[in-house]
Amino acid sequence: MEELKKEEIIAMAVAAIAEKTGKDIRNLRVVNFREIGESALMKYIREKNISYKKYALEDELV
């Protein structure tokens, strides 16, 4: 699998924000973008090969 370029990652993030907020993508501007390190919990989950599903408050359990 080909690794994504930073520009592609930013474009996908902006598109996701526009979709989630219902905003026009042409009216969004990236002011600051930085990569964040993996949290201790995420590192533990990855190392132990733990599978999980994330839920948000607006998700409905089916």
Protein backbone atom coordinates (compact mmCIF):
# COMPACT_ATOMS: atom_id res chain seq x y z
CA MET A 1 0.00 0.00 0.00
CA GLU A 2 1.32 3.40 -0.98
CA GLU A 3 1.99 5.88 1.82
CA LEU A 4 0.00 9.11 1.67
CA LYS A 5 1.74 12.45 1.24
CA LYS A 6 1.20 15.17 3.86
CA GLU A 7 -0.70 17.28 1.32
CA GLU A 8 -3.11 14.39 0.67
CA ILE A 9 -3.65 13.88 4.39
CA ILE A 10 -4.40 17.58 4.89
CA ALA A 11 -6.81 17.57 1.93
CA MET A 12 -8.67 14.57 3.36
CA ALA A 13 -8.82 16.18 6.81
CA VAL A 14 -10.23 19.43 5.41
CA ALA A 15 -12.79 17.49 3.34
CA ALA A 16 -13.87 15.50 6.40
CA ILE A 17 -14.27 18.68 8.46
CA ALA A 18 -16.30 20.31 5.70
CA GLU A 19 -18.56 17.27 5.43
CA LYS A 20 -19.04 16.96 9.20
CA THR A 21 -19.80 20.66 9.72
CA GLY A 22 -21.80 21.16 6.52
CA LYS A 23 -19.50 23.99 5.45
CA ASP A 24 -18.45 24.78 1.89
CA ILE A 25 -14.91 23.50 1.44
CA ARG A 26 -13.99 26.67 -0.45
CA ASN A 27 -14.65 28.68 2.73
CA LEU A 28 -12.33 26.62 4.93
CA ARG A 29 -8.74 27.61 5.54
CA VAL A 30 -6.08 25.56 7.29
CA VAL A 31 -4.43 27.84 9.84
CA ASN A 32 -2.32 25.31 11.67
CA PHE A 33 -1.51 21.68 11.04
CA ARG A 34 0.79 19.50 13.07
CA GLU A 35 1.30 15.82 13.46
CA ILE A 36 0.62 14.40 16.88
CA GLY A 37 2.38 11.49 18.44
CA GLU A 38 0.71 8.26 19.34
CA SER A 39 -0.77 8.25 22.85
CA ALA A 40 0.30 5.66 25.38
CA LEU A 41 -3.10 4.00 25.10
CA MET A 42 -2.98 3.86 21.30
CA LYS A 43 0.54 2.45 21.44
CA TYR A 44 -0.59 -0.26 23.89
CA ILE A 45 -3.57 -1.14 21.67
CA ARG A 46 -1.33 -1.40 18.60
CA GLU A 47 1.34 -3.46 20.36
CA LYS A 48 -1.22 -5.91 21.79
CA ASN A 49 -3.16 -6.12 18.49
CA ILE A 50 -6.38 -5.20 20.26
CA SER A 51 -9.33 -4.65 17.95
CA TYR A 52 -12.00 -2.15 18.93
CA LYS A 53 -14.72 0.02 17.46
CA LYS A 54 -14.97 3.74 18.19
CA TYR A 55 -18.34 5.28 18.92
CA ALA A 56 -19.34 8.92 19.09
CA LEU A 57 -22.29 10.32 21.02
CA GLU A 58 -24.37 10.76 17.89
CA ASP A 59 -23.84 7.13 16.75
CA GLU A 60 -26.74 4.75 17.14
CA LEU A 61 -26.07 1.20 18.20
CA VAL A 62 -27.71 -1.18 15.73
